[in-house]
Amino acid sequence: MKSVNIKLSLVENVNKFVNIVSRYPFDMDLRAGRHVVDAKSILGIFSLDLSRPITLEIYSDQCDQLLKEIAAFIVSEN
């Protein structure tokens, strides 16, 4: 499992992010405090507080290509 902090401050960013992560077969969650949603769910993402960075949890160790594609959204790695 890999975790990174991401920032999705604009609606366009959320759409672009979901389009990218949906192409990958492994499960991913977004965690903001106690709230956890499926990272591939646009509605789930909009239920989170997007004014702060949120944690993307990737349930795969083979995610280097995904991390390259979402590099623009990553604010810091854990």
PDB file of N, CA and C in Angstrom:
ATOM      1  N   MET A   1       0.845  -1.184   0.000  1.00  0.00           N
ATOM      2  CA  MET A   1       0.000   0.000   0.000  1.00  0.00           C
ATOM      3  C   MET A   1       0.885   1.241   0.000  1.00  0.00           C
ATOM      4  N   LYS A   2       0.434   2.256  -0.694  1.00  0.00           N
ATOM      5  CA  LYS A   2       1.154   3.528  -0.801  1.00  0.00           C
ATOM      6  C   LYS A   2       0.186   4.649  -0.473  1.00  0.00           C
ATOM      7  N   SER A   3       0.641   5.655   0.266  1.00  0.00           N
ATOM      8  CA  SER A   3      -0.199   6.816   0.595  1.00  0.00           C
ATOM      9  C   SER A   3       0.517   8.092   0.183  1.00  0.00           C
ATOM     10  N   VAL A   4      -0.241   9.012  -0.429  1.00  0.00           N
ATOM     11  CA  VAL A   4       0.284  10.331  -0.785  1.00  0.00           C
ATOM     12  C   VAL A   4      -0.782  11.374  -0.471  1.00  0.00           C
ATOM     13  N   ASN A   5      -0.343  12.573  -0.158  1.00  0.00           N
ATOM     14  CA  ASN A   5      -1.270  13.681   0.055  1.00  0.00           C
ATOM     15  C   ASN A   5      -1.475  14.399  -1.267  1.00  0.00           C
ATOM     16  N   ILE A   6      -2.750  14.679  -1.574  1.00  0.00           N
ATOM     17  CA  ILE A   6      -3.074  15.359  -2.824  1.00  0.00           C
ATOM     18  C   ILE A   6      -3.964  16.562  -2.531  1.00  0.00           C
ATOM     19  N   LYS A   7      -4.018  17.462  -3.490  1.00  0.00           N
ATOM     20  CA  LYS A   7      -4.867  18.648  -3.392  1.00  0.00           C
ATOM     21  C   LYS A   7      -5.729  18.714  -4.643  1.00  0.00           C
ATOM     22  N   LEU A   8      -7.057  18.739  -4.452  1.00  0.00           N
ATOM     23  CA  LEU A   8      -8.016  18.834  -5.564  1.00  0.00           C
ATOM     24  C   LEU A   8      -8.899  20.056  -5.307  1.00  0.00           C
ATOM     25  N   SER A   9      -8.416  21.220  -5.658  1.00  0.00           N
ATOM     26  CA  SER A   9      -9.128  22.439  -5.299  1.00  0.00           C
ATOM     27  C   SER A   9     -10.148  22.909  -6.333  1.00  0.00           C
ATOM     28  N   LEU A  10     -10.054  22.447  -7.562  1.00  0.00           N
ATOM     29  CA  LEU A  10     -10.973  22.897  -8.606  1.00  0.00           C
ATOM     30  C   LEU A  10     -11.801  21.726  -9.137  1.00  0.00           C
ATOM     31  N   VAL A  11     -13.002  22.015  -9.631  1.00  0.00           N
ATOM     32  CA  VAL A  11     -13.866  20.983 -10.208  1.00  0.00           C
ATOM     33  C   VAL A  11     -13.150  20.276 -11.359  1.00  0.00           C
ATOM     34  N   GLU A  12     -12.427  21.025 -12.188  1.00  0.00           N
ATOM     35  CA  GLU A  12     -11.704  20.432 -13.304  1.00  0.00           C
ATOM     36  C   GLU A  12     -10.657  19.440 -12.805  1.00  0.00           C
ATOM     37  N   ASN A  13     -10.015  19.773 -11.674  1.00  0.00           N
ATOM     38  CA  ASN A  13      -9.016  18.869 -11.101  1.00  0.00           C
ATOM     39  C   ASN A  13      -9.647  17.561 -10.654  1.00  0.00           C
ATOM     40  N   VAL A  14     -10.826  17.627 -10.051  1.00  0.00           N
ATOM     41  CA  VAL A  14     -11.517  16.415  -9.597  1.00  0.00           C
ATOM     42  C   VAL A  14     -11.852  15.536 -10.799  1.00  0.00           C
ATOM     43  N   ASN A  15     -12.391  16.122 -11.847  1.00  0.00           N
ATOM     44  CA  ASN A  15     -12.732  15.356 -13.050  1.00  0.00           C
ATOM     45  C   ASN A  15     -11.496  14.716 -13.672  1.00  0.00           C
ATOM     46  N   LYS A  16     -10.425  15.470 -13.792  1.00  0.00           N
ATOM     47  CA  LYS A  16      -9.196  14.966 -14.371  1.00  0.00           C
ATOM     48  C   LYS A  16      -8.623  13.830 -13.510  1.00  0.00           C
ATOM     49  N   PHE A  17      -8.629  14.019 -12.181  1.00  0.00           N
ATOM     50  CA  PHE A  17      -8.127  13.012 -11.252  1.00  0.00           C
ATOM     51  C   PHE A  17      -8.913  11.705 -11.377  1.00  0.00           C
ATOM     52  N   VAL A  18     -10.243  11.790 -11.380  1.00  0.00           N
ATOM     53  CA  VAL A  18     -11.083  10.590 -11.468  1.00  0.00           C
ATOM     54  C   VAL A  18     -10.867   9.883 -12.803  1.00  0.00           C
ATOM     55  N   ASN A  19     -10.717  10.625 -13.880  1.00  0.00           N
ATOM     56  CA  ASN A  19     -10.449  10.007 -15.184  1.00  0.00           C
ATOM     57  C   ASN A  19      -9.136   9.226 -15.170  1.00  0.00           C
ATOM     58  N   ILE A  20      -8.136   9.747 -14.488  1.00  0.00           N
ATOM     59  CA  ILE A  20      -6.841   9.063 -14.413  1.00  0.00           C
ATOM     60  C   ILE A  20      -6.943   7.808 -13.546  1.00  0.00           C
ATOM     61  N   VAL A  21      -7.436   7.948 -12.313  1.00  0.00           N
ATOM     62  CA  VAL A  21      -7.432   6.796 -11.391  1.00  0.00           C
ATOM     63  C   VAL A  21      -8.381   5.693 -11.837  1.00  0.00           C
ATOM     64  N   SER A  22      -9.415   6.027 -12.584  1.00  0.00           N
ATOM     65  CA  SER A  22     -10.373   5.019 -13.037  1.00  0.00           C
ATOM     66  C   SER A  22      -9.773   4.046 -14.048  1.00  0.00           C
ATOM     67  N   ARG A  23      -8.666   4.414 -14.655  1.00  0.00           N
ATOM     68  CA  ARG A  23      -8.014   3.537 -15.628  1.00  0.00           C
ATOM     69  C   ARG A  23      -7.202   2.419 -14.973  1.00  0.00           C
ATOM     70  N   TYR A  24      -7.025   2.502 -13.665  1.00  0.00           N
ATOM     71  CA  TYR A  24      -6.194   1.520 -12.962  1.00  0.00           C
ATOM     72  C   TYR A  24      -7.070   0.502 -12.240  1.00  0.00           C
ATOM     73  N   PRO A  25      -6.659  -0.778 -12.261  1.00  0.00           N
ATOM     74  CA  PRO A  25      -7.511  -1.839 -11.714  1.00  0.00           C
ATOM     75  C   PRO A  25      -7.510  -1.957 -10.195  1.00  0.00           C
ATOM     76  N   PHE A  26      -6.549  -1.343  -9.525  1.00  0.00           N
ATOM     77  CA  PHE A  26      -6.491  -1.541  -8.085  1.00  0.00           C
ATOM     78  C   PHE A  26      -7.377  -0.552  -7.335  1.00  0.00           C
ATOM     79  N   ASP A  27      -7.724  -0.920  -6.083  1.00  0.00           N
ATOM     80  CA  ASP A  27      -8.585  -0.088  -5.252  1.00  0.00           C
ATOM     81  C   ASP A  27      -7.804   1.101  -4.708  1.00  0.00           C
ATOM     82  N   MET A  28      -8.515   2.229  -4.566  1.00  0.00           N
ATOM     83  CA  MET A  28      -7.933   3.445  -4.013  1.00  0.00           C
ATOM     84  C   MET A  28      -8.991   4.149  -3.188  1.00  0.00           C
ATOM     85  N   ASP A  29      -8.578   4.699  -2.062  1.00  0.00           N
ATOM     86  CA  ASP A  29      -9.475   5.472  -1.203  1.00  0.00           C
ATOM     87  C   ASP A  29      -8.903   6.853  -0.993  1.00  0.00           C
ATOM     88  N   LEU A  30      -9.795   7.797  -0.731  1.00  0.00           N
ATOM     89  CA  LEU A  30      -9.394   9.135  -0.299  1.00  0.00           C
ATOM     90  C   LEU A  30      -9.842   9.297   1.142  1.00  0.00           C
ATOM     91  N   ARG A  31      -8.935   9.775   1.973  1.00  0.00           N
ATOM     92  CA  ARG A  31      -9.209   9.929   3.400  1.00  0.00           C
ATOM     93  C   ARG A  31      -9.014  11.388   3.807  1.00  0.00           C
ATOM     94  N   ALA A  32     -10.051  11.938   4.421  1.00  0.00           N
ATOM     95  CA  ALA A  32      -9.990  13.294   4.972  1.00  0.00           C
ATOM     96  C   ALA A  32     -10.514  13.199   6.398  1.00  0.00           C
ATOM     97  N   GLY A  33      -9.596  13.163   7.357  1.00  0.00           N
ATOM     98  CA  GLY A  33     -10.005  12.974   8.745  1.00  0.00           C
ATOM     99  C   GLY A  33     -10.600  11.595   8.935  1.00  0.00           C
ATOM    100  N   ARG A  34     -11.842  11.539   9.435  1.00  0.00           N
ATOM    101  CA  ARG A  34     -12.536  10.264   9.643  1.00  0.00           C
ATOM    102  C   ARG A  34     -13.243   9.770   8.394  1.00  0.00           C
ATOM    103  N   HIS A  35     -13.388  10.618   7.407  1.00  0.00           N
ATOM    104  CA  HIS A  35     -14.167  10.294   6.214  1.00  0.00           C
ATOM    105  C   HIS A  35     -13.303   9.604   5.167  1.00  0.00           C
ATOM    106  N   VAL A  36     -13.809   8.490   4.651  1.00  0.00           N
ATOM    107  CA  VAL A  36     -13.105   7.730   3.611  1.00  0.00           C
ATOM    108  C   VAL A  36     -14.082   7.479   2.469  1.00  0.00           C
ATOM    109  N   VAL A  37     -13.640   7.791   1.234  1.00  0.00           N
ATOM    110  CA  VAL A  37     -14.473   7.551   0.053  1.00  0.00           C
ATOM    111  C   VAL A  37     -13.643   6.860  -1.019  1.00  0.00           C
ATOM    112  N   ASP A  38     -14.318   6.233  -1.950  1.00  0.00           N
ATOM    113  CA  ASP A  38     -13.675   5.607  -3.101  1.00  0.00           C
ATOM    114  C   ASP A  38     -13.066   6.711  -3.973  1.00  0.00           C
ATOM    115  N   ALA A  39     -11.788   6.580  -4.276  1.00  0.00           N
ATOM    116  CA  ALA A  39     -11.100   7.608  -5.065  1.00  0.00           C
ATOM    117  C   ALA A  39     -11.606   7.690  -6.498  1.00  0.00           C
ATOM    118  N   LYS A  40     -12.370   6.696  -6.941  1.00  0.00           N
ATOM    119  CA  LYS A  40     -12.899   6.690  -8.308  1.00  0.00           C
ATOM    120  C   LYS A  40     -14.318   7.252  -8.372  1.00  0.00           C
ATOM    121  N   SER A  41     -14.817   7.773  -7.256  1.00  0.00           N
ATOM    122  CA  SER A  41     -16.184   8.288  -7.166  1.00  0.00           C
ATOM    123  C   SER A  41     -16.195   9.814  -7.124  1.00  0.00           C
ATOM    124  N   ILE A  42     -16.702  10.423  -8.183  1.00  0.00           N
ATOM    125  CA  ILE A  42     -16.774  11.885  -8.221  1.00  0.00           C
ATOM    126  C   ILE A  42     -17.660  12.410  -7.086  1.00  0.00           C
ATOM    127  N   LEU A  43     -18.822  11.798  -6.891  1.00  0.00           N
ATOM    128  CA  LEU A  43     -19.711  12.254  -5.818  1.00  0.00           C
ATOM    129  C   LEU A  43     -19.067  12.076  -4.456  1.00  0.00           C
ATOM    130  N   GLY A  44     -18.367  10.972  -4.262  1.00  0.00           N
ATOM    131  CA  GLY A  44     -17.675  10.755  -2.999  1.00  0.00           C
ATOM    132  C   GLY A  44     -16.641  11.824  -2.733  1.00  0.00           C
ATOM    133  N   ILE A  45     -15.879  12.177  -3.748  1.00  0.00           N
ATOM    134  CA  ILE A  45     -14.840  13.197  -3.594  1.00  0.00           C
ATOM    135  C   ILE A  45     -15.458  14.543  -3.226  1.00  0.00           C
ATOM    136  N   PHE A  46     -16.574  14.891  -3.851  1.00  0.00           N
ATOM    137  CA  PHE A  46     -17.201  16.178  -3.547  1.00  0.00           C
ATOM    138  C   PHE A  46     -17.815  16.216  -2.151  1.00  0.00           C
ATOM    139  N   SER A  47     -17.955  15.064  -1.492  1.00  0.00           N
ATOM    140  CA  SER A  47     -18.465  15.053  -0.121  1.00  0.00           C
ATOM    141  C   SER A  47     -17.365  15.377   0.895  1.00  0.00           C
ATOM    142  N   LEU A  48     -16.110  15.429   0.430  1.00  0.00           N
ATOM    143  CA  LEU A  48     -14.979  15.722   1.311  1.00  0.00           C
ATOM    144  C   LEU A  48     -14.690  17.220   1.341  1.00  0.00           C
ATOM    145  N   ASP A  49     -13.954  17.639   2.354  1.00  0.00           N
ATOM    146  CA  ASP A  49     -13.488  19.026   2.447  1.00  0.00           C
ATOM    147  C   ASP A  49     -12.286  19.180   1.523  1.00  0.00           C
ATOM    148  N   LEU A  50     -12.480  19.784   0.368  1.00  0.00           N
ATOM    149  CA  LEU A  50     -11.415  19.906  -0.628  1.00  0.00           C
ATOM    150  C   LEU A  50     -10.550  21.145  -0.440  1.00  0.00           C
ATOM    151  N   SER A  51     -10.811  21.922   0.613  1.00  0.00           N
ATOM    152  CA  SER A  51      -9.994  23.106   0.858  1.00  0.00           C
ATOM    153  C   SER A  51      -8.644  22.740   1.476  1.00  0.00           C
ATOM    154  N   ARG A  52      -8.506  21.490   1.928  1.00  0.00           N
ATOM    155  CA  ARG A  52      -7.263  21.017   2.535  1.00  0.00           C
ATOM    156  C   ARG A  52      -6.764  19.799   1.750  1.00  0.00           C
ATOM    157  N   PRO A  53      -5.486  19.507   1.882  1.00  0.00           N
ATOM    158  CA  PRO A  53      -4.988  18.279   1.241  1.00  0.00           C
ATOM    159  C   PRO A  53      -5.671  17.038   1.826  1.00  0.00           C
ATOM    160  N   ILE A  54      -5.864  16.034   0.988  1.00  0.00           N
ATOM    161  CA  ILE A  54      -6.469  14.770   1.426  1.00  0.00           C
ATOM    162  C   ILE A  54      -5.501  13.642   1.097  1.00  0.00           C
ATOM    163  N   THR A  55      -5.651  12.531   1.787  1.00  0.00           N
ATOM    164  CA  THR A  55      -4.731  11.412   1.620  1.00  0.00           C
ATOM    165  C   THR A  55      -5.299  10.394   0.642  1.00  0.00           C
ATOM    166  N   LEU A  56      -4.525  10.084  -0.376  1.00  0.00           N
ATOM    167  CA  LEU A  56      -4.872   9.036  -1.327  1.00  0.00           C
ATOM    168  C   LEU A  56      -4.169   7.762  -0.889  1.00  0.00           C
ATOM    169  N   GLU A  57      -4.952   6.719  -0.632  1.00  0.00           N
ATOM    170  CA  GLU A  57      -4.397   5.425  -0.250  1.00  0.00           C
ATOM    171  C   GLU A  57      -4.562   4.472  -1.432  1.00  0.00           C
ATOM    172  N   ILE A  58      -3.451   3.975  -1.935  1.00  0.00           N
ATOM    173  CA  ILE A  58      -3.434   3.094  -3.103  1.00  0.00           C
ATOM    174  C   ILE A  58      -3.112   1.689  -2.617  1.00  0.00           C
ATOM    175  N   TYR A  59      -4.010   0.749  -2.883  1.00  0.00           N
ATOM    176  CA  TYR A  59      -3.838  -0.612  -2.401  1.00  0.00           C
ATOM    177  C   TYR A  59      -3.117  -1.483  -3.424  1.00  0.00           C
ATOM    178  N   SER A  60      -1.910  -1.050  -3.758  1.00  0.00           N
ATOM    179  CA  SER A  60      -1.050  -1.774  -4.687  1.00  0.00           C
ATOM    180  C   SER A  60       0.361  -1.235  -4.513  1.00  0.00           C
ATOM    181  N   ASP A  61       1.334  -2.106  -4.721  1.00  0.00           N
ATOM    182  CA  ASP A  61       2.723  -1.654  -4.684  1.00  0.00           C
ATOM    183  C   ASP A  61       3.243  -1.352  -6.092  1.00  0.00           C
ATOM    184  N   GLN A  62       2.457  -1.680  -7.102  1.00  0.00           N
ATOM    185  CA  GLN A  62       2.829  -1.476  -8.504  1.00  0.00           C
ATOM    186  C   GLN A  62       2.140  -0.219  -9.046  1.00  0.00           C
ATOM    187  N   CYS A  63       2.380   0.917  -8.414  1.00  0.00           N
ATOM    188  CA  CYS A  63       1.618   2.128  -8.762  1.00  0.00           C
ATOM    189  C   CYS A  63       2.500   3.282  -9.241  1.00  0.00           C
ATOM    190  N   ASP A  64       3.721   2.991  -9.674  1.00  0.00           N
ATOM    191  CA  ASP A  64       4.627   4.061 -10.093  1.00  0.00           C
ATOM    192  C   ASP A  64       4.074   4.876 -11.260  1.00  0.00           C
ATOM    193  N   GLN A  65       3.461   4.209 -12.240  1.00  0.00           N
ATOM    194  CA  GLN A  65       2.901   4.922 -13.393  1.00  0.00           C
ATOM    195  C   GLN A  65       1.753   5.841 -12.958  1.00  0.00           C
ATOM    196  N   LEU A  66       0.905   5.350 -12.069  1.00  0.00           N
ATOM    197  CA  LEU A  66      -0.184   6.181 -11.551  1.00  0.00           C
ATOM    198  C   LEU A  66       0.371   7.416 -10.852  1.00  0.00           C
ATOM    199  N   LEU A  67       1.385   7.240 -10.023  1.00  0.00           N
ATOM    200  CA  LEU A  67       1.970   8.370  -9.302  1.00  0.00           C
ATOM    201  C   LEU A  67       2.546   9.405 -10.262  1.00  0.00           C
ATOM    202  N   LYS A  68       3.100   8.950 -11.381  1.00  0.00           N
ATOM    203  CA  LYS A  68       3.609   9.890 -12.397  1.00  0.00           C
ATOM    204  C   LYS A  68       2.455  10.681 -13.011  1.00  0.00           C
ATOM    205  N   GLU A  69       1.343   9.997 -13.284  1.00  0.00           N
ATOM    206  CA  GLU A  69       0.206  10.662 -13.925  1.00  0.00           C
ATOM    207  C   GLU A  69      -0.493  11.667 -13.014  1.00  0.00           C
ATOM    208  N   ILE A  70      -0.474  11.415 -11.712  1.00  0.00           N
ATOM    209  CA  ILE A  70      -1.148  12.341 -10.788  1.00  0.00           C
ATOM    210  C   ILE A  70      -0.175  13.273 -10.074  1.00  0.00           C
ATOM    211  N   ALA A  71       1.055  13.351 -10.564  1.00  0.00           N
ATOM    212  CA  ALA A  71       2.097  14.169  -9.923  1.00  0.00           C
ATOM    213  C   ALA A  71       1.656  15.622  -9.721  1.00  0.00           C
ATOM    214  N   ALA A  72       0.860  16.155 -10.611  1.00  0.00           N
ATOM    215  CA  ALA A  72       0.405  17.541 -10.494  1.00  0.00           C
ATOM    216  C   ALA A  72      -0.495  17.771  -9.276  1.00  0.00           C
ATOM    217  N   PHE A  73      -1.114  16.711  -8.783  1.00  0.00           N
ATOM    218  CA  PHE A  73      -2.012  16.820  -7.637  1.00  0.00           C
ATOM    219  C   PHE A  73      -1.339  16.526  -6.305  1.00  0.00           C
ATOM    220  N   ILE A  74      -0.158  15.911  -6.346  1.00  0.00           N
ATOM    221  CA  ILE A  74       0.537  15.513  -5.123  1.00  0.00           C
ATOM    222  C   ILE A  74       1.196  16.725  -4.465  1.00  0.00           C
ATOM    223  N   VAL A  75       0.923  16.908  -3.162  1.00  0.00           N
ATOM    224  CA  VAL A  75       1.519  18.019  -2.441  1.00  0.00           C
ATOM    225  C   VAL A  75       2.687  17.578  -1.572  1.00  0.00           C
ATOM    226  N   SER A  76       2.630  16.346  -1.066  1.00  0.00           N
ATOM    227  CA  SER A  76       3.761  15.787  -0.320  1.00  0.00           C
ATOM    228  C   SER A  76       3.539  14.301  -0.145  1.00  0.00           C
ATOM    229  N   GLU A  77       4.630  13.545  -0.082  1.00  0.00           N
ATOM    230  CA  GLU A  77       4.516  12.093   0.075  1.00  0.00           C
ATOM    231  C   GLU A  77       4.706  11.714   1.521  1.00  0.00           C
ATOM    232  N   ASN A  78       4.002  10.634   1.922  1.00  0.00           N
ATOM    233  CA  ASN A  78       4.157  10.113   3.284  1.00  0.00           C
ATOM    234  C   ASN A  78       5.339   9.186   3.356  1.00  0.00           C
TER     235      ASN A  78
END
